[in-house]
Amino acid sequence: MIELDNVGYSYGGGELLSNLSVRLTPGSFHFLTGPSGAGKTTLLKLCYGALHPTAGQVRAFETDMRKLDRDQTALLRRRIGVVHQDCRFLDHLTLTENVALPLLVSGRDLSSETDNLNELMQWVGLSGRADARPPELSGGERQRAALARAVIMSPDVVIADEPTGNVDWEMSQRLLQLLVELNRMGKTVLIATHDLSLIRAAKSQVQARVLRIANRQLQTAGADL
């Protein structure tokens, strides 16, 4: 689905990533670890096309992402749901309206999506907060809303950047469970995290590959969990 072939990324005259090769196969589950500043977020951005490599090639769904024009990139991005680390919302819209934004941007008729939207809000446990505004939400509610927004278009791949970084352990387990459920539905999942306890907690729930960035290189940190 997504393949990095000898990828490098440099900026400001310095090399952040070098000779990275990895393949995210359909239905696979990956954790990405590494120290702060190692390039985890940069690698995720390369995977979903927000950045292009300065060396090597990134292919998504058998297409070289660097060869796509703006419209083609937008269409491809609908197949990749992203949970960003900073979880930004539009404060003047309700939670449901924020989650539905990708549908609106893609030109979907929201009136025909009501049932799907309600089902999704129930799945992430936010039905009772549907009319709340983003400033009223807790950290855990914001993260679950971000996940709902990321999967509203039913993407093939879900990429999450430190999704449990600002929530307590109980909520991190709840978010992990949602991501595991997505994987069981056949979605490819890639999670960047510094929380090794979260990875260990996944052991009984899902087979996952752990990747680690160190010294600009990507290494397999362990066999299947």
Protein backbone atom coordinates (compact mmCIF):
# COMPACT_ATOMS: atom_id res chain seq x y z
CA MET A 1 0.00 0.00 0.00
CA ILE A 2 2.71 2.46 1.02
CA GLU A 3 6.35 1.77 0.21
CA LEU A 4 9.47 3.80 0.93
CA ASP A 5 12.45 2.85 -1.21
CA ASN A 6 15.86 4.17 -0.09
CA VAL A 7 14.22 7.38 1.06
CA GLY A 8 16.22 10.30 2.42
CA TYR A 9 15.07 13.68 3.66
CA SER A 10 17.23 16.76 4.19
CA TYR A 11 16.43 20.34 5.11
CA GLY A 12 18.44 23.35 6.15
CA GLY A 13 21.59 21.72 4.86
CA GLY A 14 21.29 18.76 7.23
CA GLU A 15 20.23 15.18 6.63
CA LEU A 16 17.39 14.04 8.90
CA LEU A 17 16.60 10.66 7.33
CA SER A 18 18.78 8.48 5.12
CA ASN A 19 18.27 5.31 3.05
CA LEU A 20 14.95 4.33 4.64
CA SER A 21 13.12 1.38 3.13
CA VAL A 22 9.87 -0.02 4.49
CA ARG A 23 6.65 -1.45 3.11
CA LEU A 24 3.26 -1.09 4.76
CA THR A 25 1.30 -4.03 3.43
CA PRO A 26 -2.52 -4.27 3.40
CA GLY A 27 -3.87 -5.00 6.87
CA SER A 28 -0.53 -4.62 8.64
CA PHE A 29 0.02 -2.83 11.96
CA HIS A 30 3.21 -0.88 12.64
CA PHE A 31 4.54 1.11 15.58
CA LEU A 32 7.19 3.74 14.87
CA THR A 33 9.47 4.71 17.75
CA GLY A 34 12.60 6.75 18.28
CA PRO A 35 13.89 9.66 20.36
CA SER A 36 12.42 13.15 20.07
CA GLY A 37 13.74 14.90 17.00
CA ALA A 38 14.71 11.65 15.27
CA GLY A 39 12.26 12.25 12.42
CA LYS A 40 9.14 10.25 13.30
CA THR A 41 6.71 12.98 12.24
CA THR A 42 8.75 13.65 9.10
CA LEU A 43 8.55 9.98 8.15
CA LEU A 44 4.79 10.00 8.64
CA LYS A 45 4.48 13.09 6.44
CA LEU A 46 6.47 11.33 3.73
CA CYS A 47 4.04 8.40 3.95
CA TYR A 48 0.96 10.54 3.32
CA GLY A 49 2.47 13.01 0.88
CA ALA A 50 2.71 16.14 3.01
CA LEU A 51 6.45 16.04 2.29
CA HIS A 52 8.41 14.63 -0.64
CA PRO A 53 11.73 12.87 -0.16
CA THR A 54 14.95 14.56 -1.20
CA ALA A 55 16.26 11.11 -2.19
CA GLY A 56 14.59 7.82 -3.05
CA GLN A 57 10.94 7.19 -3.80
CA VAL A 58 7.64 6.97 -1.93
CA ARG A 59 4.88 4.93 -3.57
CA ALA A 60 1.30 4.83 -2.34
CA PHE A 61 -1.09 2.35 -3.90
CA GLU A 62 1.56 1.61 -6.55
CA THR A 63 1.85 5.28 -7.53
CA ASP A 64 4.94 7.48 -7.20
CA MET A 65 3.58 10.29 -5.03
CA ARG A 66 6.05 12.82 -6.41
CA LYS A 67 4.52 12.48 -9.89
CA LEU A 68 0.99 13.38 -8.79
CA ASP A 69 -0.48 16.81 -9.42
CA ARG A 70 -2.44 18.65 -6.74
CA ASP A 71 -5.83 17.12 -7.60
CA GLN A 72 -4.42 13.61 -7.87
CA THR A 73 -2.71 14.02 -4.52
CA ALA A 74 -5.98 15.16 -2.93
CA LEU A 75 -7.77 12.08 -4.27
CA LEU A 76 -5.06 9.77 -3.03
CA ARG A 77 -5.05 11.41 0.39
CA ARG A 78 -8.68 10.39 0.85
CA ARG A 79 -7.41 6.83 1.13
CA ILE A 80 -5.08 7.76 4.00
CA GLY A 81 -6.58 8.96 7.28
CA VAL A 82 -4.25 10.99 9.49
CA VAL A 83 -4.50 11.70 13.22
CA HIS A 84 -2.21 14.68 13.76
CA GLN A 85 -0.32 15.24 16.98
CA ASP A 86 -1.74 18.72 17.51
CA CYS A 87 -5.37 17.73 16.80
CA ARG A 88 -6.67 21.05 15.48
CA PHE A 89 -10.36 21.86 15.15
CA LEU A 90 -12.51 24.82 14.14
CA ASP A 91 -13.77 26.23 17.41
CA HIS A 92 -16.93 27.80 15.94
CA LEU A 93 -18.21 24.42 14.70
CA THR A 94 -19.74 21.63 16.76
CA LEU A 95 -17.85 18.40 17.28
CA THR A 96 -19.99 16.60 14.71
CA GLU A 97 -19.45 19.36 12.16
CA ASN A 98 -15.69 19.15 12.72
CA VAL A 99 -15.69 15.39 12.22
CA ALA A 100 -17.75 15.77 9.03
CA LEU A 101 -15.42 18.36 7.45
CA PRO A 102 -13.64 15.85 5.16
CA LEU A 103 -17.04 14.88 3.72
CA LEU A 104 -17.86 18.52 3.06
CA VAL A 105 -14.50 19.21 1.42
CA SER A 106 -14.90 16.18 -0.85
CA GLY A 107 -18.32 17.38 -2.02
CA ARG A 108 -20.40 14.69 -0.33
CA ASP A 109 -24.05 15.34 0.47
CA LEU A 110 -24.02 15.47 4.27
CA SER A 111 -27.74 14.71 4.51
CA SER A 112 -27.06 11.26 3.07
CA GLU A 113 -24.23 10.64 5.52
CA THR A 114 -26.18 11.22 8.75
CA ASP A 115 -26.46 7.55 9.69
CA ASN A 116 -22.79 6.85 9.02
CA LEU A 117 -21.76 9.94 10.98
CA ASN A 118 -23.94 9.03 13.95
CA GLU A 119 -22.58 5.47 13.92
CA LEU A 120 -19.01 6.76 13.86
CA MET A 121 -19.63 9.15 16.76
CA GLN A 122 -21.10 6.26 18.75
CA TRP A 123 -18.09 4.07 17.90
CA VAL A 124 -15.64 6.58 19.39
CA GLY A 125 -17.91 7.16 22.38
CA LEU A 126 -18.79 10.78 21.60
CA SER A 127 -22.50 10.64 20.79
CA GLY A 128 -23.29 12.57 23.94
CA ARG A 129 -20.83 15.32 22.95
CA ALA A 130 -22.01 15.77 19.37
CA ASP A 131 -23.04 19.42 19.86
CA ALA A 132 -20.08 20.43 22.03
CA ARG A 133 -17.53 22.95 20.76
CA PRO A 134 -13.83 21.98 20.65
CA PRO A 135 -12.81 24.24 23.60
CA GLU A 136 -15.24 22.27 25.79
CA LEU A 137 -13.59 18.92 25.08
CA SER A 138 -11.13 17.03 27.25
CA GLY A 139 -7.84 15.81 25.82
CA GLY A 140 -9.20 12.29 25.39
CA GLU A 141 -12.34 13.54 23.68
CA ARG A 142 -10.26 15.61 21.27
CA GLN A 143 -8.11 12.61 20.38
CA ARG A 144 -11.14 10.39 19.77
CA ALA A 145 -12.71 13.14 17.65
CA ALA A 146 -9.48 13.41 15.67
CA LEU A 147 -9.58 9.66 15.04
CA ALA A 148 -13.22 9.87 13.94
CA ARG A 149 -12.38 12.67 11.51
CA ALA A 150 -9.45 10.66 10.15
CA VAL A 151 -11.62 7.65 9.29
CA ILE A 152 -14.82 9.39 8.17
CA MET A 153 -13.85 8.80 4.51
CA SER A 154 -13.23 5.09 5.20
CA PRO A 155 -9.53 5.20 4.28
CA ASP A 156 -7.41 2.14 3.56
CA VAL A 157 -4.55 3.37 5.75
CA VAL A 158 -4.69 5.11 9.16
CA ILE A 159 -1.61 7.04 10.33
CA ALA A 160 -1.52 8.40 13.88
CA ASP A 161 1.18 10.71 15.24
CA GLU A 162 1.54 10.30 19.03
CA PRO A 163 -2.23 9.76 19.47
CA THR A 164 -1.86 9.05 23.20
CA GLY A 165 0.75 11.68 23.99
CA ASN A 166 -1.57 14.01 25.93
CA VAL A 167 -3.97 11.58 27.62
CA ASP A 168 -3.86 9.36 30.68
CA TRP A 169 -3.19 5.63 30.60
CA GLU A 170 -6.85 4.60 30.66
CA MET A 171 -7.65 6.82 27.68
CA SER A 172 -4.54 5.67 25.82
CA GLN A 173 -5.81 2.10 26.14
CA ARG A 174 -9.19 3.13 24.80
CA LEU A 175 -7.59 4.83 21.80
CA LEU A 176 -5.37 1.81 21.19
CA GLN A 177 -8.43 -0.43 21.21
CA LEU A 178 -10.10 1.72 18.54
CA LEU A 179 -6.99 1.51 16.36
CA VAL A 180 -6.83 -2.27 16.85
CA GLU A 181 -10.48 -2.52 15.81
CA LEU A 182 -9.70 -0.56 12.64
CA ASN A 183 -6.88 -2.98 11.88
CA ARG A 184 -9.24 -5.93 12.37
CA MET A 185 -11.51 -4.30 9.79
CA GLY A 186 -8.63 -4.60 7.34
CA LYS A 187 -7.11 -1.14 7.67
CA THR A 188 -3.35 -0.69 7.57
CA VAL A 189 -2.29 1.15 10.74
CA LEU A 190 0.92 3.09 11.47
CA ILE A 191 1.33 4.68 14.92
CA ALA A 192 4.24 6.90 15.91
CA THR A 193 4.77 6.79 19.67
CA HIS A 194 7.47 7.20 22.29
CA ASP A 195 5.36 5.18 24.77
CA LEU A 196 6.87 1.70 24.95
CA SER A 197 4.26 0.71 27.54
CA LEU A 198 1.59 1.27 24.89
CA ILE A 199 3.43 -1.05 22.51
CA ARG A 200 3.73 -3.71 25.19
CA ALA A 201 0.03 -3.36 25.98
CA ALA A 202 -0.79 -4.12 22.34
CA LYS A 203 0.90 -7.52 22.60
CA SER A 204 -2.25 -9.47 23.40
CA GLN A 205 -4.42 -7.59 20.91
CA VAL A 206 -2.62 -7.39 17.60
CA GLN A 207 0.40 -8.61 15.67
CA ALA A 208 2.53 -5.55 15.05
CA ARG A 209 5.94 -4.70 13.70
CA VAL A 210 8.00 -2.21 15.68
CA LEU A 211 10.19 0.17 13.70
CA ARG A 212 12.74 2.50 15.27
CA ILE A 213 14.45 5.57 13.86
CA ALA A 214 17.99 6.02 15.15
CA ASN A 215 20.91 7.86 13.59
CA ARG A 216 18.82 8.74 10.53
CA GLN A 217 18.21 5.04 9.82
CA LEU A 218 15.13 2.87 10.18
CA GLN A 219 15.60 -0.38 12.07
CA THR A 220 13.33 -3.24 13.03
CA ALA A 221 13.17 -2.95 16.80
CA GLY A 222 11.73 -6.39 17.33
CA ALA A 223 9.88 -9.28 15.75
CA ASP A 224 6.11 -9.54 15.83
CA LEU A 225 4.81 -8.51 19.23
